[in-house]
Amino acid sequence: GRIVSVVGPNGSGKSTLIKCIDRILLPQEGTVSV
């Protein structure tokens, strides 16, 4: 129940993080759990 904003300069990985969470992109290491 929260709003979390991910900020940073261009190329910092914001959109990549969003897409890895939704598995649009598949990370090489690590896990995402809900």
Full PDB file with SEQRES, HELIX, SHEET, SSBOND, CRYST1, ORIGX, SCALE, CONECT and MASTER records, all heavy atoms in Angstrom:
SEQRES   1 A   34  GLY ARG ILE VAL SER VAL VAL GLY PRO ASN GLY SER GLY          
SEQRES   2 A   34  LYS SER THR LEU ILE LYS CYS ILE ASP ARG ILE LEU LEU          
SEQRES   3 A   34  PRO GLN GLU GLY THR VAL SER VAL                              
HELIX    1 AA1 LYS A   14  ILE A   21  1                                   8    
CRYST1    1.000    1.000    1.000  90.00  90.00  90.00 P 1           1          
ORIGX1      1.000000  0.000000  0.000000        0.00000                         
ORIGX2      0.000000  1.000000  0.000000        0.00000                         
ORIGX3      0.000000  0.000000  1.000000        0.00000                         
SCALE1      1.000000  0.000000  0.000000        0.00000                         
SCALE2      0.000000  1.000000  0.000000        0.00000                         
SCALE3      0.000000  0.000000  1.000000        0.00000                         
ATOM      1  N   GLY A   1       0.787  -1.221   0.000  1.00  0.00           N  
ATOM      2  CA  GLY A   1       0.000   0.000   0.000  1.00  0.00           C  
ATOM      3  C   GLY A   1       0.818   1.270   0.000  1.00  0.00           C  
ATOM      4  O   GLY A   1       0.498   2.241   0.698  1.00  0.00           O  
ATOM      5  N   ARG A   2       1.886   1.316  -0.797  1.00  0.00           N  
ATOM      6  CA  ARG A   2       2.774   2.476  -0.817  1.00  0.00           C  
ATOM      7  C   ARG A   2       3.085   2.889  -2.256  1.00  0.00           C  
ATOM      8  O   ARG A   2       2.987   2.083  -3.192  1.00  0.00           O  
ATOM      9  CB  ARG A   2       4.092   2.161  -0.088  1.00  0.00           C  
ATOM     10  CG  ARG A   2       3.894   1.726   1.355  1.00  0.00           C  
ATOM     11  CD  ARG A   2       5.201   1.353   2.016  1.00  0.00           C  
ATOM     12  NE  ARG A   2       6.068   2.527   2.226  1.00  0.00           N  
ATOM     13  CZ  ARG A   2       5.915   3.368   3.229  1.00  0.00           C  
ATOM     14  NH1 ARG A   2       4.942   3.206   4.101  1.00  0.00           N  
ATOM     15  NH2 ARG A   2       6.744   4.380   3.378  1.00  0.00           N  
ATOM     16  N   ILE A   3       3.479   4.149  -2.401  1.00  0.00           N  
ATOM     17  CA  ILE A   3       4.015   4.641  -3.665  1.00  0.00           C  
ATOM     18  C   ILE A   3       5.520   4.762  -3.517  1.00  0.00           C  
ATOM     19  O   ILE A   3       6.012   5.487  -2.644  1.00  0.00           O  
ATOM     20  CB  ILE A   3       3.423   6.012  -4.043  1.00  0.00           C  
ATOM     21  CG1 ILE A   3       1.912   5.926  -4.223  1.00  0.00           C  
ATOM     22  CG2 ILE A   3       4.070   6.530  -5.331  1.00  0.00           C  
ATOM     23  CD1 ILE A   3       1.256   7.256  -4.536  1.00  0.00           C  
ATOM     24  N   VAL A   4       6.234   4.032  -4.335  1.00  0.00           N  
ATOM     25  CA  VAL A   4       7.697   4.054  -4.317  1.00  0.00           C  
ATOM     26  C   VAL A   4       8.175   4.616  -5.652  1.00  0.00           C  
ATOM     27  O   VAL A   4       7.879   4.054  -6.710  1.00  0.00           O  
ATOM     28  CB  VAL A   4       8.276   2.642  -4.103  1.00  0.00           C  
ATOM     29  CG1 VAL A   4       9.800   2.677  -4.171  1.00  0.00           C  
ATOM     30  CG2 VAL A   4       7.807   2.068  -2.778  1.00  0.00           C  
ATOM     31  N   SER A   5       8.879   5.732  -5.596  1.00  0.00           N  
ATOM     32  CA  SER A   5       9.417   6.337  -6.814  1.00  0.00           C  
ATOM     33  C   SER A   5      10.886   5.962  -6.961  1.00  0.00           C  
ATOM     34  O   SER A   5      11.664   6.066  -6.000  1.00  0.00           O  
ATOM     35  CB  SER A   5       9.279   7.859  -6.781  1.00  0.00           C  
ATOM     36  OG  SER A   5       7.938   8.242  -6.942  1.00  0.00           O  
ATOM     37  N   VAL A   6      11.249   5.527  -8.155  1.00  0.00           N  
ATOM     38  CA  VAL A   6      12.634   5.198  -8.474  1.00  0.00           C  
ATOM     39  C   VAL A   6      13.187   6.334  -9.316  1.00  0.00           C  
ATOM     40  O   VAL A   6      12.678   6.618 -10.405  1.00  0.00           O  
ATOM     41  CB  VAL A   6      12.729   3.864  -9.236  1.00  0.00           C  
ATOM     42  CG1 VAL A   6      14.187   3.501  -9.484  1.00  0.00           C  
ATOM     43  CG2 VAL A   6      12.027   2.745  -8.465  1.00  0.00           C  
ATOM     44  N   VAL A   7      14.205   7.011  -8.812  1.00  0.00           N  
ATOM     45  CA  VAL A   7      14.767   8.169  -9.489  1.00  0.00           C  
ATOM     46  C   VAL A   7      16.245   7.940  -9.763  1.00  0.00           C  
ATOM     47  O   VAL A   7      16.882   7.060  -9.178  1.00  0.00           O  
ATOM     48  CB  VAL A   7      14.575   9.463  -8.657  1.00  0.00           C  
ATOM     49  CG1 VAL A   7      13.095   9.690  -8.336  1.00  0.00           C  
ATOM     50  CG2 VAL A   7      15.393   9.419  -7.362  1.00  0.00           C  
ATOM     51  N   GLY A   8      16.790   8.761 -10.647  1.00  0.00           N  
ATOM     52  CA  GLY A   8      18.207   8.667 -10.979  1.00  0.00           C  
ATOM     53  C   GLY A   8      18.462   9.249 -12.353  1.00  0.00           C  
ATOM     54  O   GLY A   8      17.529   9.441 -13.144  1.00  0.00           O  
ATOM     55  N   PRO A   9      19.711   9.515 -12.681  1.00  0.00           N  
ATOM     56  CA  PRO A   9      20.050  10.073 -13.997  1.00  0.00           C  
ATOM     57  C   PRO A   9      19.724   9.084 -15.117  1.00  0.00           C  
ATOM     58  O   PRO A   9      19.472   7.898 -14.872  1.00  0.00           O  
ATOM     59  CB  PRO A   9      21.564  10.316 -13.909  1.00  0.00           C  
ATOM     60  CG  PRO A   9      21.902  10.226 -12.462  1.00  0.00           C  
ATOM     61  CD  PRO A   9      20.894   9.320 -11.835  1.00  0.00           C  
ATOM     62  N   ASN A  10      19.742   9.589 -16.347  1.00  0.00           N  
ATOM     63  CA  ASN A  10      19.590   8.696 -17.501  1.00  0.00           C  
ATOM     64  C   ASN A  10      20.656   7.604 -17.449  1.00  0.00           C  
ATOM     65  O   ASN A  10      21.821   7.874 -17.152  1.00  0.00           O  
ATOM     66  CB  ASN A  10      19.750   9.486 -18.805  1.00  0.00           C  
ATOM     67  CG  ASN A  10      18.587  10.431 -19.051  1.00  0.00           C  
ATOM     68  OD1 ASN A  10      17.483  10.204 -18.572  1.00  0.00           O  
ATOM     69  ND2 ASN A  10      18.843  11.498 -19.788  1.00  0.00           N  
ATOM     70  N   GLY A  11      20.234   6.372 -17.729  1.00  0.00           N  
ATOM     71  CA  GLY A  11      21.176   5.271 -17.739  1.00  0.00           C  
ATOM     72  C   GLY A  11      21.460   4.672 -16.378  1.00  0.00           C  
ATOM     73  O   GLY A  11      22.332   3.802 -16.255  1.00  0.00           O  
ATOM     74  N   SER A  12      20.727   5.095 -15.344  1.00  0.00           N  
ATOM     75  CA  SER A  12      20.990   4.567 -14.007  1.00  0.00           C  
ATOM     76  C   SER A  12      20.348   3.204 -13.773  1.00  0.00           C  
ATOM     77  O   SER A  12      20.685   2.518 -12.805  1.00  0.00           O  
ATOM     78  CB  SER A  12      20.506   5.557 -12.938  1.00  0.00           C  
ATOM     79  OG  SER A  12      19.114   5.802 -13.079  1.00  0.00           O  
ATOM     80  N   GLY A  13      19.396   2.809 -14.634  1.00  0.00           N  
ATOM     81  CA  GLY A  13      18.787   1.484 -14.513  1.00  0.00           C  
ATOM     82  C   GLY A  13      17.350   1.479 -14.039  1.00  0.00           C  
ATOM     83  O   GLY A  13      16.806   0.420 -13.721  1.00  0.00           O  
ATOM     84  N   LYS A  14      16.700   2.635 -14.008  1.00  0.00           N  
ATOM     85  CA  LYS A  14      15.329   2.728 -13.485  1.00  0.00           C  
ATOM     86  C   LYS A  14      14.361   1.861 -14.289  1.00  0.00           C  
ATOM     87  O   LYS A  14      13.662   0.998 -13.732  1.00  0.00           O  
ATOM     88  CB  LYS A  14      14.842   4.181 -13.527  1.00  0.00           C  
ATOM     89  CG  LYS A  14      15.690   5.164 -12.742  1.00  0.00           C  
ATOM     90  CD  LYS A  14      15.070   6.542 -12.724  1.00  0.00           C  
ATOM     91  CE  LYS A  14      14.940   7.166 -14.098  1.00  0.00           C  
ATOM     92  NZ  LYS A  14      16.233   7.377 -14.762  1.00  0.00           N  
ATOM     93  N   SER A  15      14.299   2.088 -15.595  1.00  0.00           N  
ATOM     94  CA  SER A  15      13.370   1.340 -16.434  1.00  0.00           C  
ATOM     95  C   SER A  15      13.747  -0.136 -16.494  1.00  0.00           C  
ATOM     96  O   SER A  15      12.866  -1.012 -16.550  1.00  0.00           O  
ATOM     97  CB  SER A  15      13.342   1.929 -17.854  1.00  0.00           C  
ATOM     98  OG  SER A  15      12.774   3.227 -17.844  1.00  0.00           O  
ATOM     99  N   THR A  16      15.041  -0.423 -16.476  1.00  0.00           N  
ATOM    100  CA  THR A  16      15.480  -1.824 -16.488  1.00  0.00           C  
ATOM    101  C   THR A  16      14.999  -2.546 -15.242  1.00  0.00           C  
ATOM    102  O   THR A  16      14.555  -3.700 -15.300  1.00  0.00           O  
ATOM    103  CB  THR A  16      17.009  -1.901 -16.600  1.00  0.00           C  
ATOM    104  OG1 THR A  16      17.427  -1.263 -17.810  1.00  0.00           O  
ATOM    105  CG2 THR A  16      17.477  -3.346 -16.625  1.00  0.00           C  
ATOM    106  N   LEU A  17      15.069  -1.875 -14.094  1.00  0.00           N  
ATOM    107  CA  LEU A  17      14.580  -2.477 -12.854  1.00  0.00           C  
ATOM    108  C   LEU A  17      13.081  -2.776 -12.957  1.00  0.00           C  
ATOM    109  O   LEU A  17      12.636  -3.877 -12.602  1.00  0.00           O  
ATOM    110  CB  LEU A  17      14.848  -1.539 -11.681  1.00  0.00           C  
ATOM    111  CG  LEU A  17      14.230  -1.962 -10.338  1.00  0.00           C  
ATOM    112  CD1 LEU A  17      14.757  -3.323  -9.906  1.00  0.00           C  
ATOM    113  CD2 LEU A  17      14.504  -0.896  -9.273  1.00  0.00           C  
ATOM    114  N   ILE A  18      12.312  -1.820 -13.459  1.00  0.00           N  
ATOM    115  CA  ILE A  18      10.869  -2.018 -13.617  1.00  0.00           C  
ATOM    116  C   ILE A  18      10.598  -3.222 -14.516  1.00  0.00           C  
ATOM    117  O   ILE A  18       9.754  -4.083 -14.208  1.00  0.00           O  
ATOM    118  CB  ILE A  18      10.228  -0.757 -14.212  1.00  0.00           C  
ATOM    119  CG1 ILE A  18      10.288   0.413 -13.229  1.00  0.00           C  
ATOM    120  CG2 ILE A  18       8.790  -1.027 -14.644  1.00  0.00           C  
ATOM    121  CD1 ILE A  18       9.344   0.331 -12.075  1.00  0.00           C  
ATOM    122  N   LYS A  19      11.326  -3.328 -15.620  1.00  0.00           N  
ATOM    123  CA  LYS A  19      11.091  -4.417 -16.570  1.00  0.00           C  
ATOM    124  C   LYS A  19      11.572  -5.758 -16.038  1.00  0.00           C  
ATOM    125  O   LYS A  19      11.008  -6.799 -16.379  1.00  0.00           O  
ATOM    126  CB  LYS A  19      11.765  -4.080 -17.911  1.00  0.00           C  
ATOM    127  CG  LYS A  19      11.096  -2.914 -18.631  1.00  0.00           C  
ATOM    128  CD  LYS A  19      11.833  -2.530 -19.905  1.00  0.00           C  
ATOM    129  CE  LYS A  19      11.137  -1.358 -20.606  1.00  0.00           C  
ATOM    130  NZ  LYS A  19      11.874  -0.919 -21.819  1.00  0.00           N  
ATOM    131  N   CYS A  20      12.595  -5.762 -15.198  1.00  0.00           N  
ATOM    132  CA  CYS A  20      13.030  -7.016 -14.588  1.00  0.00           C  
ATOM    133  C   CYS A  20      12.013  -7.504 -13.564  1.00  0.00           C  
ATOM    134  O   CYS A  20      11.777  -8.710 -13.433  1.00  0.00           O  
ATOM    135  CB  CYS A  20      14.398  -6.841 -13.922  1.00  0.00           C  
ATOM    136  SG  CYS A  20      15.797  -6.827 -15.064  1.00  0.00           S  
ATOM    137  N   ILE A  21      11.401  -6.587 -12.827  1.00  0.00           N  
ATOM    138  CA  ILE A  21      10.372  -6.978 -11.872  1.00  0.00           C  
ATOM    139  C   ILE A  21       9.205  -7.635 -12.599  1.00  0.00           C  
ATOM    140  O   ILE A  21       8.663  -8.647 -12.147  1.00  0.00           O  
ATOM    141  CB  ILE A  21       9.898  -5.753 -11.055  1.00  0.00           C  
ATOM    142  CG1 ILE A  21      11.019  -5.263 -10.132  1.00  0.00           C  
ATOM    143  CG2 ILE A  21       8.652  -6.098 -10.237  1.00  0.00           C  
ATOM    144  CD1 ILE A  21      10.694  -3.978  -9.396  1.00  0.00           C  
ATOM    145  N   ASP A  22       8.823  -7.087 -13.753  1.00  0.00           N  
ATOM    146  CA  ASP A  22       7.699  -7.639 -14.513  1.00  0.00           C  
ATOM    147  C   ASP A  22       8.125  -8.759 -15.455  1.00  0.00           C  
ATOM    148  O   ASP A  22       7.304  -9.277 -16.216  1.00  0.00           O  
ATOM    149  CB  ASP A  22       7.026  -6.514 -15.325  1.00  0.00           C  
ATOM    150  CG  ASP A  22       5.634  -6.899 -15.777  1.00  0.00           C  
ATOM    151  OD1 ASP A  22       4.895  -7.512 -14.991  1.00  0.00           O  
ATOM    152  OD2 ASP A  22       5.282  -6.598 -16.940  1.00  0.00           O  
ATOM    153  N   ARG A  23       9.399  -9.105 -15.438  1.00  0.00           N  
ATOM    154  CA  ARG A  23       9.963 -10.184 -16.268  1.00  0.00           C  
ATOM    155  C   ARG A  23       9.804  -9.920 -17.760  1.00  0.00           C  
ATOM    156  O   ARG A  23       9.757 -10.863 -18.563  1.00  0.00           O  
ATOM    157  CB  ARG A  23       9.376 -11.551 -15.879  1.00  0.00           C  
ATOM    158  CG  ARG A  23       9.743 -11.941 -14.456  1.00  0.00           C  
ATOM    159  CD  ARG A  23       9.466 -13.392 -14.136  1.00  0.00           C  
ATOM    160  NE  ARG A  23      10.255 -14.314 -14.947  1.00  0.00           N  
ATOM    161  CZ  ARG A  23      11.550 -14.580 -14.745  1.00  0.00           C  
ATOM    162  NH1 ARG A  23      12.217 -13.965 -13.787  1.00  0.00           N  
ATOM    163  NH2 ARG A  23      12.180 -15.451 -15.515  1.00  0.00           N  
ATOM    164  N   ILE A  24       9.724  -8.653 -18.128  1.00  0.00           N  
ATOM    165  CA  ILE A  24       9.887  -8.276 -19.534  1.00  0.00           C  
ATOM    166  C   ILE A  24      11.342  -8.527 -19.918  1.00  0.00           C  
ATOM    167  O   ILE A  24      11.652  -8.965 -21.029  1.00  0.00           O  
ATOM    168  CB  ILE A  24       9.501  -6.798 -19.747  1.00  0.00           C  
ATOM    169  CG1 ILE A  24       8.013  -6.598 -19.437  1.00  0.00           C  
ATOM    170  CG2 ILE A  24       9.809  -6.351 -21.172  1.00  0.00           C  
ATOM    171  CD1 ILE A  24       7.602  -5.147 -19.394  1.00  0.00           C  
ATOM    172  N   LEU A  25      12.230  -8.245 -18.977  1.00  0.00           N  
ATOM    173  CA  LEU A  25      13.642  -8.599 -19.093  1.00  0.00           C  
ATOM    174  C   LEU A  25      13.952  -9.648 -18.036  1.00  0.00           C  
ATOM    175  O   LEU A  25      13.425  -9.596 -16.920  1.00  0.00           O  
ATOM    176  CB  LEU A  25      14.527  -7.367 -18.881  1.00  0.00           C  
ATOM    177  CG  LEU A  25      14.379  -6.226 -19.891  1.00  0.00           C  
ATOM    178  CD1 LEU A  25      15.221  -5.028 -19.453  1.00  0.00           C  
ATOM    179  CD2 LEU A  25      14.755  -6.670 -21.285  1.00  0.00           C  
ATOM    180  N   LEU A  26      14.812 -10.594 -18.367  1.00  0.00           N  
ATOM    181  CA  LEU A  26      15.159 -11.670 -17.446  1.00  0.00           C  
ATOM    182  C   LEU A  26      16.545 -11.421 -16.863  1.00  0.00           C  
ATOM    183  O   LEU A  26      17.537 -11.425 -17.599  1.00  0.00           O  
ATOM    184  CB  LEU A  26      15.115 -13.020 -18.168  1.00  0.00           C  
ATOM    185  CG  LEU A  26      13.784 -13.382 -18.827  1.00  0.00           C  
ATOM    186  CD1 LEU A  26      13.888 -14.750 -19.501  1.00  0.00           C  
ATOM    187  CD2 LEU A  26      12.654 -13.370 -17.807  1.00  0.00           C  
ATOM    188  N   PRO A  27      16.642 -11.176 -15.566  1.00  0.00           N  
ATOM    189  CA  PRO A  27      17.950 -10.910 -14.954  1.00  0.00           C  
ATOM    190  C   PRO A  27      18.851 -12.135 -14.984  1.00  0.00           C  
ATOM    191  O   PRO A  27      18.371 -13.279 -14.959  1.00  0.00           O  
ATOM    192  CB  PRO A  27      17.580 -10.518 -13.513  1.00  0.00           C  
ATOM    193  CG  PRO A  27      16.260 -11.170 -13.274  1.00  0.00           C  
ATOM    194  CD  PRO A  27      15.541 -11.153 -14.593  1.00  0.00           C  
ATOM    195  N   GLN A  28      20.151 -11.898 -15.031  1.00  0.00           N  
ATOM    196  CA  GLN A  28      21.107 -13.002 -15.023  1.00  0.00           C  
ATOM    197  C   GLN A  28      21.280 -13.595 -13.619  1.00  0.00           C  
ATOM    198  O   GLN A  28      21.540 -14.780 -13.474  1.00  0.00           O  
ATOM    199  CB  GLN A  28      22.469 -12.534 -15.552  1.00  0.00           C  
ATOM    200  CG  GLN A  28      22.545 -12.391 -17.057  1.00  0.00           C  
ATOM    201  CD  GLN A  28      21.945 -11.066 -17.545  1.00  0.00           C  
ATOM    202  OE1 GLN A  28      21.742 -10.150 -16.752  1.00  0.00           O  
ATOM    203  NE2 GLN A  28      21.685 -10.975 -18.837  1.00  0.00           N  
ATOM    204  N   GLU A  29      21.167 -12.761 -12.596  1.00  0.00           N  
ATOM    205  CA  GLU A  29      21.261 -13.233 -11.221  1.00  0.00           C  
ATOM    206  C   GLU A  29      20.194 -12.559 -10.376  1.00  0.00           C  
ATOM    207  O   GLU A  29      19.668 -11.514 -10.717  1.00  0.00           O  
ATOM    208  CB  GLU A  29      22.646 -12.911 -10.611  1.00  0.00           C  
ATOM    209  CG  GLU A  29      23.801 -13.695 -11.189  1.00  0.00           C  
ATOM    210  CD  GLU A  29      24.527 -12.943 -12.273  1.00  0.00           C  
ATOM    211  OE1 GLU A  29      24.480 -11.703 -12.237  1.00  0.00           O  
ATOM    212  OE2 GLU A  29      25.122 -13.576 -13.171  1.00  0.00           O  
ATOM    213  N   GLY A  30      19.887 -13.223  -9.239  1.00  0.00           N  
ATOM    214  CA  GLY A  30      18.978 -12.629  -8.271  1.00  0.00           C  
ATOM    215  C   GLY A  30      17.545 -13.082  -8.435  1.00  0.00           C  
ATOM    216  O   GLY A  30      17.189 -13.772  -9.395  1.00  0.00           O  
ATOM    217  N   THR A  31      16.729 -12.685  -7.462  1.00  0.00           N  
ATOM    218  CA  THR A  31      15.321 -13.069  -7.455  1.00  0.00           C  
ATOM    219  C   THR A  31      14.435 -11.873  -7.164  1.00  0.00           C  
ATOM    220  O   THR A  31      14.865 -10.899  -6.532  1.00  0.00           O  
ATOM    221  CB  THR A  31      15.040 -14.152  -6.392  1.00  0.00           C  
ATOM    222  OG1 THR A  31      15.386 -13.628  -5.095  1.00  0.00           O  
ATOM    223  CG2 THR A  31      15.841 -15.415  -6.664  1.00  0.00           C  
ATOM    224  N   VAL A  32      13.191 -11.970  -7.627  1.00  0.00           N  
ATOM    225  CA  VAL A  32      12.140 -11.009  -7.294  1.00  0.00           C  
ATOM    226  C   VAL A  32      10.968 -11.816  -6.748  1.00  0.00           C  
ATOM    227  O   VAL A  32      10.518 -12.774  -7.380  1.00  0.00           O  
ATOM    228  CB  VAL A  32      11.687 -10.196  -8.522  1.00  0.00           C  
ATOM    229  CG1 VAL A  32      10.596  -9.207  -8.132  1.00  0.00           C  
ATOM    230  CG2 VAL A  32      12.871  -9.451  -9.146  1.00  0.00           C  
ATOM    231  N   SER A  33      10.485 -11.442  -5.567  1.00  0.00           N  
ATOM    232  CA  SER A  33       9.403 -12.179  -4.929  1.00  0.00           C  
ATOM    233  C   SER A  33       8.255 -11.248  -4.577  1.00  0.00           C  
ATOM    234  O   SER A  33       8.480 -10.088  -4.196  1.00  0.00           O  
ATOM    235  CB  SER A  33       9.894 -12.866  -3.642  1.00  0.00           C  
ATOM    236  OG  SER A  33      10.970 -13.741  -3.907  1.00  0.00           O  
ATOM    237  N   VAL A  34       7.048 -11.747  -4.701  1.00  0.00           N  
ATOM    238  CA  VAL A  34       5.848 -11.049  -4.259  1.00  0.00           C  
ATOM    239  C   VAL A  34       5.134 -11.952  -3.271  1.00  0.00           C  
ATOM    240  O   VAL A  34       4.854 -13.116  -3.584  1.00  0.00           O  
ATOM    241  CB  VAL A  34       4.920 -10.709  -5.441  1.00  0.00           C  
ATOM    242  CG1 VAL A  34       3.600 -10.129  -4.933  1.00  0.00           C  
ATOM    243  CG2 VAL A  34       5.593  -9.726  -6.389  1.00  0.00           C  
TER     244      VAL A  34                                                      
MASTER        0    0    0    1    0    0    0    6  243    1    0    3          
END                                                                             
